[in-house]
Protein backbone atom coordinates (compact mmCIF):
# COMPACT_ATOMS: atom_id res chain seq x y z
CA UNK A 1 35.96 55.21 15.05
CA UNK A 2 34.40 55.15 11.48
CA UNK A 3 31.74 57.88 10.69
CA UNK A 4 28.08 56.60 10.21
CA UNK A 5 24.81 58.52 9.72
CA UNK A 6 21.87 57.06 11.44
CA UNK A 7 18.37 57.92 10.33
CA UNK A 8 16.35 57.79 13.52
CA UNK A 9 12.62 57.84 13.79
CA UNK A 10 12.70 58.53 17.61
CA UNK A 11 14.84 58.65 20.72
CA UNK A 12 13.75 55.13 22.56
CA UNK A 13 14.47 53.78 19.01
CA UNK A 14 17.98 54.97 18.78
CA UNK A 15 19.02 53.79 22.36
CA UNK A 16 20.25 50.21 21.49
CA UNK A 17 21.67 50.77 17.66
CA UNK A 18 23.84 53.56 18.83
CA UNK A 19 25.50 51.45 21.45
CA UNK A 20 25.72 48.40 19.28
CA UNK A 21 27.08 50.41 16.35
CA UNK A 22 29.56 52.21 18.83
CA UNK A 23 30.51 48.72 19.93
CA UNK A 24 31.48 47.68 16.29
CA UNK A 25 33.55 51.06 16.18
CA UNK A 26 31.02 53.61 14.38
CA UNK A 27 30.63 56.93 15.41
CA UNK A 28 26.89 57.46 14.68
CA UNK A 29 25.70 60.89 13.77
CA UNK A 30 21.69 61.04 13.98
CA UNK A 31 19.73 62.31 11.02
CA UNK A 32 16.10 62.95 11.61
CA UNK A 33 13.64 63.56 8.47
CA UNK A 34 10.39 62.18 9.67
CA UNK A 35 7.31 63.94 7.51
CA UNK A 36 5.15 61.04 8.18
CA UNK A 37 4.53 61.86 11.65
CA UNK A 38 0.89 63.42 12.56
CA UNK A 39 0.01 65.41 14.20
CA UNK A 40 2.54 68.17 14.34
CA UNK A 41 2.34 68.20 18.08
CA UNK A 42 3.25 64.72 18.10
CA UNK A 43 6.12 65.02 15.48
CA UNK A 44 7.61 68.43 17.55
CA UNK A 45 7.40 66.18 20.82
CA UNK A 46 9.33 63.13 19.40
CA UNK A 47 12.07 65.37 18.02
CA UNK A 48 12.49 67.39 21.41
CA UNK A 49 12.88 63.94 23.00
CA UNK A 50 15.30 62.98 20.37
CA UNK A 51 17.02 66.55 20.68
CA UNK A 52 17.32 66.21 24.43
CA UNK A 53 18.50 62.79 24.43
CA UNK A 54 21.63 63.35 21.76
CA UNK A 55 22.27 66.74 23.28
CA UNK A 56 23.00 64.99 26.94
CA UNK A 57 24.62 61.87 25.04
CA UNK A 58 26.93 64.13 23.08
CA UNK A 59 25.64 62.46 20.08
CA UNK A 60 25.83 64.88 16.90
CA UNK A 61 22.02 65.46 15.55
CA UNK A 62 21.19 66.86 11.85
CA UNK A 63 17.56 68.23 11.27
CA UNK A 64 17.10 67.67 7.51
CA UNK A 65 14.57 68.67 5.21
CA UNK A 66 10.88 67.32 5.67
CA UNK A 67 8.70 67.38 2.76
CA UNK A 68 5.23 67.10 4.16
CA UNK A 69 3.63 68.13 0.95
CA UNK A 70 5.42 65.08 -1.06
CA UNK A 71 4.41 62.72 1.87
CA UNK A 72 0.52 63.49 1.10
CA UNK A 73 1.00 63.43 -2.57
CA UNK A 74 2.92 60.11 -2.85
CA UNK A 75 2.50 58.00 0.29
CA UNK A 76 -1.16 59.17 1.68
CA UNK A 77 -2.93 58.01 -1.34
CA UNK A 78 -1.99 54.34 -0.94
CA UNK A 79 -3.88 54.42 2.19
CA UNK A 80 -4.50 52.00 4.87
CA UNK A 81 -5.75 48.78 2.72
CA UNK A 82 -1.97 48.25 1.41
CA UNK A 83 0.32 48.62 4.27
CA UNK A 84 3.26 47.22 2.72
CA UNK A 85 3.03 49.48 -0.41
CA UNK A 86 2.37 52.43 1.86
CA UNK A 87 5.40 51.47 4.02
CA UNK A 88 7.92 50.98 1.60
CA UNK A 89 7.10 54.22 0.08
CA UNK A 90 7.26 56.14 3.29
CA UNK A 91 10.57 54.55 4.08
CA UNK A 92 11.97 55.43 0.72
CA UNK A 93 10.86 59.15 1.00
CA UNK A 94 12.61 59.39 4.19
CA UNK A 95 15.63 57.23 3.76
CA UNK A 96 16.04 59.35 0.21
CA UNK A 97 16.28 62.76 2.21
CA UNK A 98 19.00 60.88 4.87
CA UNK A 99 21.13 59.45 1.72
CA UNK A 100 21.23 62.78 0.28
CA UNK A 101 22.22 64.32 3.64
CA UNK A 102 24.95 61.51 4.09
CA UNK A 103 26.71 62.71 0.55
CA UNK A 104 26.55 66.33 1.41
CA UNK A 105 27.87 65.54 4.97
CA UNK A 106 30.55 63.28 3.07
CA UNK A 107 29.62 60.01 5.13
CA UNK A 108 30.27 56.54 3.71
CA UNK A 109 28.07 54.62 5.86
CA UNK A 110 24.28 55.07 6.65
CA UNK A 111 21.84 53.12 8.79
CA UNK A 112 18.39 53.37 10.52
CA UNK A 113 16.33 53.05 13.25
CA UNK A 114 13.03 52.33 11.30
CA UNK A 115 13.09 48.60 11.94
CA UNK A 116 14.14 48.53 15.18
CA UNK A 117 10.63 47.61 16.35
CA UNK A 118 9.10 44.13 15.75
CA UNK A 119 6.14 45.78 14.45
CA UNK A 120 7.80 47.50 11.48
CA UNK A 121 8.55 45.65 8.23
CA UNK A 122 12.06 44.61 8.15
CA UNK A 123 13.02 43.12 5.14
CA UNK A 124 11.23 45.93 3.10
CA UNK A 125 12.72 48.81 5.14
CA UNK A 126 16.37 47.36 4.86
CA UNK A 127 15.60 46.27 0.95
CA UNK A 128 15.12 50.33 0.59
CA UNK A 129 17.98 51.40 2.45
CA UNK A 130 20.09 49.17 0.43
CA UNK A 131 18.97 50.10 -2.98
CA UNK A 132 18.79 53.87 -2.02
CA UNK A 133 22.62 53.90 -0.38
CA UNK A 134 23.96 52.12 -3.43
CA UNK A 135 22.51 54.59 -6.00
CA UNK A 136 23.94 57.39 -3.70
CA UNK A 137 27.42 55.58 -3.46
CA UNK A 138 26.73 54.95 0.22
CA UNK A 139 27.39 51.83 2.26
CA UNK A 140 24.38 50.68 4.15
CA UNK A 141 24.66 49.08 7.36
CA UNK A 142 22.08 46.69 8.19
CA UNK A 143 21.47 45.25 11.31
CA UNK A 144 18.67 43.38 12.95
CA UNK A 145 18.14 45.12 16.11
CA UNK A 146 14.95 43.50 16.81
CA UNK A 147 16.37 41.26 19.47
CA UNK A 148 17.38 44.52 21.64
CA UNK A 149 13.95 45.73 21.52
CA UNK A 150 13.10 44.73 25.24
CA UNK A 151 16.33 46.29 26.53
CA UNK A 152 15.47 49.67 24.30
CA UNK A 153 12.20 49.51 25.99
CA UNK A 154 13.43 49.18 29.27
CA UNK A 155 16.21 51.56 28.94
CA UNK A 156 13.78 54.23 27.77
CA UNK A 157 11.56 54.11 30.48
CA UNK A 158 14.48 54.22 33.13
CA UNK A 159 15.37 57.40 31.32
CA UNK A 160 11.82 58.80 31.31
CA UNK A 161 11.70 59.22 27.78
CA UNK A 162 8.50 59.90 25.76
CA UNK A 163 7.45 56.41 24.15
CA UNK A 164 4.63 56.76 21.61
CA UNK A 165 2.15 53.82 20.96
CA UNK A 166 2.18 54.12 17.00
CA UNK A 167 4.57 54.36 14.27
CA UNK A 168 3.75 57.80 13.34
CA UNK A 169 1.32 58.59 10.49
CA UNK A 170 -2.50 58.54 10.87
CA UNK A 171 -3.18 55.37 9.26
CA UNK A 172 -0.36 53.67 11.63
CA UNK A 173 -2.05 55.26 14.36
CA UNK A 174 -5.48 53.52 13.54
CA UNK A 175 -3.95 50.33 12.89
CA UNK A 176 -2.36 50.61 16.36
CA UNK A 177 -5.87 51.54 17.83
CA UNK A 178 -7.38 48.42 16.32
CA UNK A 179 -4.77 46.43 17.38
CA UNK A 180 -4.88 47.46 21.17
CA UNK A 181 -8.71 46.83 20.76
CA UNK A 182 -8.32 43.26 19.76
CA UNK A 183 -5.44 42.31 22.22
CA UNK A 184 -7.85 43.82 24.85
CA UNK A 185 -10.79 41.88 23.72
CA UNK A 186 -8.44 38.57 23.77
CA UNK A 187 -7.33 39.36 27.40
CA UNK A 188 -11.08 39.69 28.13
CA UNK A 189 -12.11 36.46 26.40
CA UNK A 190 -9.06 34.50 28.27
CA UNK A 191 -10.37 35.80 31.46
CA UNK A 192 -13.91 34.82 30.93
CA UNK A 193 -12.99 31.38 29.54
CA UNK A 194 -10.50 30.93 32.84
CA UNK A 195 -13.47 31.89 35.18
CA UNK A 196 -15.83 29.62 33.40
CA UNK A 197 -13.40 26.61 33.70
CA UNK A 198 -12.81 27.44 37.35
CA UNK A 199 -16.75 27.04 37.74
CA UNK A 200 -17.33 30.94 38.51
CA UNK A 201 -21.21 31.67 37.45
CA UNK A 202 -21.55 34.05 34.78
CA UNK A 203 -23.52 36.48 37.07
CA UNK A 204 -21.18 36.24 39.60
CA UNK A 205 -18.71 38.66 38.69
CA UNK A 206 -17.78 37.19 35.38
CA UNK A 207 -16.94 40.03 32.52
CA UNK A 208 -18.53 39.83 29.26
CA UNK A 209 -16.73 39.71 26.32
CA UNK A 210 -17.12 43.22 24.48
C-alpha cells in the first residue's frame, strides 16, 4: 500500500474516496483543516463525526492547524458576489495547510474530498490542489469522485452520519438556503401547473405559488 494524505471536509464526503483510493492501492490518512466552517458548533459537529468514523474504520486522522483569522482576512472579504474567486481562495488556504502537513509527515501523494459533491467547483479545486502539491514537491492524486456521490449519500444515511446541507462558510449557507427556496418554489409551480392541466379549479385545493 502507498501512503496518501487525504484532506477531508467531512465524514460523508470521505466514504467513497477512501474506498476507491484503497482499491487503487493507496493507504489514506485523513487530514482535517477547515477554518471556513461556521458557526463553531457546526465545525465541532463535523469534526467529531469524522473523528468517530475514522476511529471505527481504523483510518489515521491528523487534526491540522486552522487559521481562522487568515480565512476572515483573505477569503471573507471576497464575499458572496464572486463565488468562484471566494472558493478558490478558500480551497487554497485549506489545501496549503494540508500540503504542509504532508511534507512534515513525509507523504508523497496528496488528494482531497473537497470536490466530491457535484455542488463544488471541480476544476477550480483540482487546479488549486495541483499547483500547491507541485510547489511542495508532492504528487497530486486527482480523481473525479462525483459519480459516486449518490452512493456516499446512501452509505452515510445507513451509517447514521450527520449530513450538513451547506458547504461550510456563512456565504455558502446563505446560497444553499436560496437554492432550497428556489427549488421549493419550482416544485410548487409545477404542482400548480399540473393541477391546472387536470382541470382542478384554483379555489379547490390548488396551492398558490409563493
